[in-house]
Amino acid sequence: MTSQLPLYAAVPGPKKLMFCLAGSGHSLVWELNAKVVHHMSKQWFKNGQVEGLGSGSYFREPDGDLIPLP
C-alpha cells in the first residue's frame, strides 16, 4: 500500500493523511480497531493532525507505532 492509491491521490491539497491499520479490513469502523479510528478522527477534526502528523501516509502497527509509507 502506498500513498499513490487513487482515492488518496484524488484528494486535493497537501494537508491530508492516510493510515493503513494492521489487522483491519474494509469495514474498519465495525472492527476491533474502531476505537483507534474514532480516536484518530477526533484528533484530526480537533487539531488538523493525528499523532502530531498533518500530512502523509503511514502504516500503524498493532503496538501503535507509525511507519511512513512511500
PDB file of N, CA and C in Angstrom:
ATOM      1  N   MET A   1       0.854  -1.174   0.000  1.00  0.00           N
ATOM      2  CA  MET A   1       0.000   0.000   0.000  1.00  0.00           C
ATOM      3  C   MET A   1       0.895   1.231   0.000  1.00  0.00           C
ATOM      4  N   THR A   2       0.623   2.143  -0.883  1.00  0.00           N
ATOM      5  CA  THR A   2       1.418   3.356  -0.960  1.00  0.00           C
ATOM      6  C   THR A   2       0.514   4.571  -1.006  1.00  0.00           C
ATOM      7  N   SER A   3       1.126   5.728  -0.913  1.00  0.00           N
ATOM      8  CA  SER A   3       0.359   6.961  -0.976  1.00  0.00           C
ATOM      9  C   SER A   3      -0.162   7.225  -2.379  1.00  0.00           C
ATOM     10  N   GLN A   4       0.144   6.379  -3.342  1.00  0.00           N
ATOM     11  CA  GLN A   4      -0.305   6.559  -4.711  1.00  0.00           C
ATOM     12  C   GLN A   4      -1.666   5.913  -4.963  1.00  0.00           C
ATOM     13  N   LEU A   5      -2.380   5.523  -3.923  1.00  0.00           N
ATOM     14  CA  LEU A   5      -3.716   4.961  -4.097  1.00  0.00           C
ATOM     15  C   LEU A   5      -4.620   5.994  -4.741  1.00  0.00           C
ATOM     16  N   PRO A   6      -5.519   5.573  -5.634  1.00  0.00           N
ATOM     17  CA  PRO A   6      -6.353   6.527  -6.380  1.00  0.00           C
ATOM     18  C   PRO A   6      -7.127   7.519  -5.504  1.00  0.00           C
ATOM     19  N   LEU A   7      -7.762   7.081  -4.432  1.00  0.00           N
ATOM     20  CA  LEU A   7      -8.532   7.998  -3.602  1.00  0.00           C
ATOM     21  C   LEU A   7      -7.620   9.011  -2.918  1.00  0.00           C
ATOM     22  N   TYR A   8      -6.516   8.554  -2.374  1.00  0.00           N
ATOM     23  CA  TYR A   8      -5.573   9.458  -1.717  1.00  0.00           C
ATOM     24  C   TYR A   8      -5.058  10.492  -2.710  1.00  0.00           C
ATOM     25  N   ALA A   9      -4.701  10.044  -3.896  1.00  0.00           N
ATOM     26  CA  ALA A   9      -4.190  10.945  -4.926  1.00  0.00           C
ATOM     27  C   ALA A   9      -5.266  11.924  -5.397  1.00  0.00           C
ATOM     28  N   ALA A  10      -6.535  11.515  -5.359  1.00  0.00           N
ATOM     29  CA  ALA A  10      -7.628  12.360  -5.844  1.00  0.00           C
ATOM     30  C   ALA A  10      -7.981  13.483  -4.874  1.00  0.00           C
ATOM     31  N   VAL A  11      -7.630  13.348  -3.607  1.00  0.00           N
ATOM     32  CA  VAL A  11      -7.928  14.391  -2.622  1.00  0.00           C
ATOM     33  C   VAL A  11      -6.937  15.536  -2.845  1.00  0.00           C
ATOM     34  N   PRO A  12      -7.441  16.745  -3.128  1.00  0.00           N
ATOM     35  CA  PRO A  12      -6.539  17.848  -3.429  1.00  0.00           C
ATOM     36  C   PRO A  12      -5.852  18.403  -2.189  1.00  0.00           C
ATOM     37  N   GLY A  13      -4.725  19.034  -2.410  1.00  0.00           N
ATOM     38  CA  GLY A  13      -4.029  19.737  -1.344  1.00  0.00           C
ATOM     39  C   GLY A  13      -3.000  18.889  -0.629  1.00  0.00           C
ATOM     40  N   PRO A  14      -2.085  19.551   0.059  1.00  0.00           N
ATOM     41  CA  PRO A  14      -1.013  18.852   0.763  1.00  0.00           C
ATOM     42  C   PRO A  14      -1.399  18.365   2.158  1.00  0.00           C
ATOM     43  N   LYS A  15      -2.474  18.912   2.726  1.00  0.00           N
ATOM     44  CA  LYS A  15      -2.837  18.565   4.105  1.00  0.00           C
ATOM     45  C   LYS A  15      -3.838  17.414   4.107  1.00  0.00           C
ATOM     46  N   LYS A  16      -3.299  16.198   4.009  1.00  0.00           N
ATOM     47  CA  LYS A  16      -4.135  15.001   4.022  1.00  0.00           C
ATOM     48  C   LYS A  16      -3.334  13.860   4.642  1.00  0.00           C
ATOM     49  N   LEU A  17      -4.037  12.959   5.278  1.00  0.00           N
ATOM     50  CA  LEU A  17      -3.416  11.817   5.928  1.00  0.00           C
ATOM     51  C   LEU A  17      -4.077  10.532   5.456  1.00  0.00           C
ATOM     52  N   MET A  18      -3.270   9.473   5.380  1.00  0.00           N
ATOM     53  CA  MET A  18      -3.798   8.140   5.100  1.00  0.00           C
ATOM     54  C   MET A  18      -3.121   7.178   6.080  1.00  0.00           C
ATOM     55  N   PHE A  19      -3.927   6.328   6.688  1.00  0.00           N
ATOM     56  CA  PHE A  19      -3.397   5.324   7.594  1.00  0.00           C
ATOM     57  C   PHE A  19      -3.859   3.941   7.166  1.00  0.00           C
ATOM     58  N   CYS A  20      -2.939   3.008   7.177  1.00  0.00           N
ATOM     59  CA  CYS A  20      -3.246   1.595   6.993  1.00  0.00           C
ATOM     60  C   CYS A  20      -3.044   0.977   8.374  1.00  0.00           C
ATOM     61  N   LEU A  21      -4.102   0.422   8.943  1.00  0.00           N
ATOM     62  CA  LEU A  21      -4.026  -0.126  10.288  1.00  0.00           C
ATOM     63  C   LEU A  21      -3.863  -1.641  10.234  1.00  0.00           C
ATOM     64  N   ALA A  22      -2.847  -2.134  10.900  1.00  0.00           N
ATOM     65  CA  ALA A  22      -2.587  -3.571  10.936  1.00  0.00           C
ATOM     66  C   ALA A  22      -3.811  -4.312  11.452  1.00  0.00           C
ATOM     67  N   GLY A  23      -4.167  -5.382  10.785  1.00  0.00           N
ATOM     68  CA  GLY A  23      -5.272  -6.225  11.230  1.00  0.00           C
ATOM     69  C   GLY A  23      -6.643  -5.712  10.857  1.00  0.00           C
ATOM     70  N   SER A  24      -6.723  -4.698  10.020  1.00  0.00           N
ATOM     71  CA  SER A  24      -8.017  -4.138   9.638  1.00  0.00           C
ATOM     72  C   SER A  24      -8.371  -4.500   8.208  1.00  0.00           C
ATOM     73  N   GLY A  25      -9.664  -4.533   7.960  1.00  0.00           N
ATOM     74  CA  GLY A  25     -10.161  -4.826   6.629  1.00  0.00           C
ATOM     75  C   GLY A  25     -10.939  -3.650   6.080  1.00  0.00           C
ATOM     76  N   HIS A  26     -11.966  -3.937   5.290  1.00  0.00           N
ATOM     77  CA  HIS A  26     -12.743  -2.890   4.633  1.00  0.00           C
ATOM     78  C   HIS A  26     -13.871  -2.328   5.493  1.00  0.00           C
ATOM     79  N   SER A  27     -14.210  -2.980   6.585  1.00  0.00           N
ATOM     80  CA  SER A  27     -15.271  -2.500   7.475  1.00  0.00           C
ATOM     81  C   SER A  27     -14.667  -1.995   8.771  1.00  0.00           C
ATOM     82  N   LEU A  28     -13.714  -1.126   8.637  1.00  0.00           N
ATOM     83  CA  LEU A  28     -12.885  -0.678   9.747  1.00  0.00           C
ATOM     84  C   LEU A  28     -13.670  -0.165  10.950  1.00  0.00           C
ATOM     85  N   VAL A  29     -14.726   0.598  10.713  1.00  0.00           N
ATOM     86  CA  VAL A  29     -15.455   1.167  11.850  1.00  0.00           C
ATOM     87  C   VAL A  29     -16.225   0.122  12.641  1.00  0.00           C
ATOM     88  N   TRP A  30     -16.329  -1.089  12.138  1.00  0.00           N
ATOM     89  CA  TRP A  30     -17.035  -2.163  12.846  1.00  0.00           C
ATOM     90  C   TRP A  30     -16.073  -3.211  13.393  1.00  0.00           C
ATOM     91  N   GLU A  31     -14.780  -3.009  13.200  1.00  0.00           N
ATOM     92  CA  GLU A  31     -13.783  -3.996  13.594  1.00  0.00           C
ATOM     93  C   GLU A  31     -13.131  -3.627  14.925  1.00  0.00           C
ATOM     94  N   LEU A  32     -12.182  -4.454  15.356  1.00  0.00           N
ATOM     95  CA  LEU A  32     -11.503  -4.231  16.626  1.00  0.00           C
ATOM     96  C   LEU A  32     -10.796  -2.882  16.688  1.00  0.00           C
ATOM     97  N   ASN A  33     -10.348  -2.373  15.550  1.00  0.00           N
ATOM     98  CA  ASN A  33      -9.645  -1.091  15.520  1.00  0.00           C
ATOM     99  C   ASN A  33     -10.579   0.115  15.499  1.00  0.00           C
ATOM    100  N   ALA A  34     -11.860  -0.091  15.674  1.00  0.00           N
ATOM    101  CA  ALA A  34     -12.828   1.011  15.595  1.00  0.00           C
ATOM    102  C   ALA A  34     -12.506   2.124  16.595  1.00  0.00           C
ATOM    103  N   LYS A  35     -12.085   1.772  17.794  1.00  0.00           N
ATOM    104  CA  LYS A  35     -11.760   2.797  18.794  1.00  0.00           C
ATOM    105  C   LYS A  35     -10.548   3.618  18.356  1.00  0.00           C
ATOM    106  N   VAL A  36      -9.595   2.963  17.703  1.00  0.00           N
ATOM    107  CA  VAL A  36      -8.418   3.668  17.197  1.00  0.00           C
ATOM    108  C   VAL A  36      -8.848   4.671  16.131  1.00  0.00           C
ATOM    109  N   VAL A  37      -9.710   4.249  15.217  1.00  0.00           N
ATOM    110  CA  VAL A  37     -10.188   5.128  14.148  1.00  0.00           C
ATOM    111  C   VAL A  37     -10.968   6.300  14.740  1.00  0.00           C
ATOM    112  N   HIS A  38     -11.800   6.031  15.729  1.00  0.00           N
ATOM    113  CA  HIS A  38     -12.568   7.094  16.377  1.00  0.00           C
ATOM    114  C   HIS A  38     -11.628   8.115  17.026  1.00  0.00           C
ATOM    115  N   HIS A  39     -10.630   7.620  17.737  1.00  0.00           N
ATOM    116  CA  HIS A  39      -9.659   8.496  18.395  1.00  0.00           C
ATOM    117  C   HIS A  39      -8.889   9.333  17.364  1.00  0.00           C
ATOM    118  N   MET A  40      -8.444   8.695  16.283  1.00  0.00           N
ATOM    119  CA  MET A  40      -7.701   9.408  15.240  1.00  0.00           C
ATOM    120  C   MET A  40      -8.592  10.460  14.575  1.00  0.00           C
ATOM    121  N   SER A  41      -9.831  10.130  14.334  1.00  0.00           N
ATOM    122  CA  SER A  41     -10.764  11.069  13.706  1.00  0.00           C
ATOM    123  C   SER A  41     -10.982  12.288  14.592  1.00  0.00           C
ATOM    124  N   LYS A  42     -11.148  12.066  15.893  1.00  0.00           N
ATOM    125  CA  LYS A  42     -11.325  13.187  16.818  1.00  0.00           C
ATOM    126  C   LYS A  42     -10.109  14.105  16.802  1.00  0.00           C
ATOM    127  N   GLN A  43      -8.913  13.510  16.769  1.00  0.00           N
ATOM    128  CA  GLN A  43      -7.693  14.319  16.714  1.00  0.00           C
ATOM    129  C   GLN A  43      -7.671  15.166  15.441  1.00  0.00           C
ATOM    130  N   TRP A  44      -8.035  14.554  14.310  1.00  0.00           N
ATOM    131  CA  TRP A  44      -7.998  15.265  13.025  1.00  0.00           C
ATOM    132  C   TRP A  44      -8.983  16.432  13.023  1.00  0.00           C
ATOM    133  N   PHE A  45     -10.212  16.178  13.476  1.00  0.00           N
ATOM    134  CA  PHE A  45     -11.221  17.238  13.469  1.00  0.00           C
ATOM    135  C   PHE A  45     -10.903  18.352  14.464  1.00  0.00           C
ATOM    136  N   LYS A  46     -10.300  17.998  15.581  1.00  0.00           N
ATOM    137  CA  LYS A  46      -9.998  18.986  16.609  1.00  0.00           C
ATOM    138  C   LYS A  46      -8.723  19.781  16.300  1.00  0.00           C
ATOM    139  N   ASN A  47      -7.672  19.097  15.799  1.00  0.00           N
ATOM    140  CA  ASN A  47      -6.356  19.723  15.664  1.00  0.00           C
ATOM    141  C   ASN A  47      -5.814  19.785  14.238  1.00  0.00           C
ATOM    142  N   GLY A  48      -6.460  19.097  13.301  1.00  0.00           N
ATOM    143  CA  GLY A  48      -5.917  19.034  11.945  1.00  0.00           C
ATOM    144  C   GLY A  48      -4.666  18.186  11.866  1.00  0.00           C
ATOM    145  N   GLN A  49      -4.459  17.360  12.896  1.00  0.00           N
ATOM    146  CA  GLN A  49      -3.312  16.458  12.958  1.00  0.00           C
ATOM    147  C   GLN A  49      -3.729  15.179  13.668  1.00  0.00           C
ATOM    148  N   VAL A  50      -2.975  14.112  13.396  1.00  0.00           N
ATOM    149  CA  VAL A  50      -3.153  12.848  14.106  1.00  0.00           C
ATOM    150  C   VAL A  50      -1.781  12.427  14.598  1.00  0.00           C
ATOM    151  N   GLU A  51      -1.659  12.233  15.893  1.00  0.00           N
ATOM    152  CA  GLU A  51      -0.367  11.874  16.499  1.00  0.00           C
ATOM    153  C   GLU A  51       0.714  12.875  16.101  1.00  0.00           C
ATOM    154  N   GLY A  52       0.328  14.149  15.984  1.00  0.00           N
ATOM    155  CA  GLY A  52       1.272  15.201  15.639  1.00  0.00           C
ATOM    156  C   GLY A  52       1.603  15.301  14.160  1.00  0.00           C
ATOM    157  N   LEU A  53       0.945  14.514  13.338  1.00  0.00           N
ATOM    158  CA  LEU A  53       1.202  14.497  11.890  1.00  0.00           C
ATOM    159  C   LEU A  53       0.077  15.203  11.156  1.00  0.00           C
ATOM    160  N   GLY A  54       0.438  16.065  10.215  1.00  0.00           N
ATOM    161  CA  GLY A  54      -0.570  16.797   9.460  1.00  0.00           C
ATOM    162  C   GLY A  54      -0.705  16.356   8.021  1.00  0.00           C
ATOM    163  N   SER A  55       0.209  15.517   7.550  1.00  0.00           N
ATOM    164  CA  SER A  55       0.126  15.025   6.179  1.00  0.00           C
ATOM    165  C   SER A  55       0.970  13.765   6.040  1.00  0.00           C
ATOM    166  N   GLY A  56       0.728  13.028   4.952  1.00  0.00           N
ATOM    167  CA  GLY A  56       1.499  11.819   4.666  1.00  0.00           C
ATOM    168  C   GLY A  56       0.673  10.566   4.788  1.00  0.00           C
ATOM    169  N   SER A  57       1.310   9.446   4.519  1.00  0.00           N
ATOM    170  CA  SER A  57       0.642   8.148   4.625  1.00  0.00           C
ATOM    171  C   SER A  57       1.495   7.235   5.499  1.00  0.00           C
ATOM    172  N   TYR A  58       0.810   6.457   6.343  1.00  0.00           N
ATOM    173  CA  TYR A  58       1.501   5.688   7.370  1.00  0.00           C
ATOM    174  C   TYR A  58       0.848   4.323   7.577  1.00  0.00           C
ATOM    175  N   PHE A  59       1.674   3.370   7.987  1.00  0.00           N
ATOM    176  CA  PHE A  59       1.197   2.068   8.433  1.00  0.00           C
ATOM    177  C   PHE A  59       1.236   2.083   9.946  1.00  0.00           C
ATOM    178  N   ARG A  60       0.123   1.738  10.582  1.00  0.00           N
ATOM    179  CA  ARG A  60       0.063   1.707  12.051  1.00  0.00           C
ATOM    180  C   ARG A  60       0.154   0.265  12.507  1.00  0.00           C
ATOM    181  N   GLU A  61       1.228  -0.045  13.218  1.00  0.00           N
ATOM    182  CA  GLU A  61       1.444  -1.385  13.735  1.00  0.00           C
ATOM    183  C   GLU A  61       0.514  -1.642  14.922  1.00  0.00           C
ATOM    184  N   PRO A  62       0.322  -2.911  15.289  1.00  0.00           N
ATOM    185  CA  PRO A  62      -0.571  -3.231  16.418  1.00  0.00           C
ATOM    186  C   PRO A  62      -0.186  -2.536  17.725  1.00  0.00           C
ATOM    187  N   ASP A  63       1.104  -2.253  17.914  1.00  0.00           N
ATOM    188  CA  ASP A  63       1.540  -1.585  19.145  1.00  0.00           C
ATOM    189  C   ASP A  63       1.395  -0.058  19.082  1.00  0.00           C
ATOM    190  N   GLY A  64       0.897   0.466  17.929  1.00  0.00           N
ATOM    191  CA  GLY A  64       0.672   1.888  17.788  1.00  0.00           C
ATOM    192  C   GLY A  64       1.771   2.641  17.059  1.00  0.00           C
ATOM    193  N   ASP A  65       2.905   1.979  16.812  1.00  0.00           N
ATOM    194  CA  ASP A  65       3.981   2.642  16.072  1.00  0.00           C
ATOM    195  C   ASP A  65       3.514   2.965  14.658  1.00  0.00           C
ATOM    196  N   LEU A  66       3.910   4.138  14.172  1.00  0.00           N
ATOM    197  CA  LEU A  66       3.572   4.568  12.814  1.00  0.00           C
ATOM    198  C   LEU A  66       4.825   4.501  11.944  1.00  0.00           C
ATOM    199  N   ILE A  67       4.693   3.851  10.793  1.00  0.00           N
ATOM    200  CA  ILE A  67       5.784   3.722   9.840  1.00  0.00           C
ATOM    201  C   ILE A  67       5.398   4.467   8.587  1.00  0.00           C
ATOM    202  N   PRO A  68       6.200   5.451   8.152  1.00  0.00           N
ATOM    203  CA  PRO A  68       5.875   6.173   6.924  1.00  0.00           C
ATOM    204  C   PRO A  68       5.837   5.242   5.721  1.00  0.00           C
ATOM    205  N   LEU A  69       4.865   5.450   4.852  1.00  0.00           N
ATOM    206  CA  LEU A  69       4.774   4.695   3.611  1.00  0.00           C
ATOM    207  C   LEU A  69       5.334   5.549   2.482  1.00  0.00           C
ATOM    208  N   PRO A  70       5.919   4.893   1.490  1.00  0.00           N
ATOM    209  CA  PRO A  70       6.489   5.663   0.361  1.00  0.00           C
ATOM    210  C   PRO A  70       5.410   6.334  -0.465  1.00  0.00           C
TER     211      PRO A  70
END
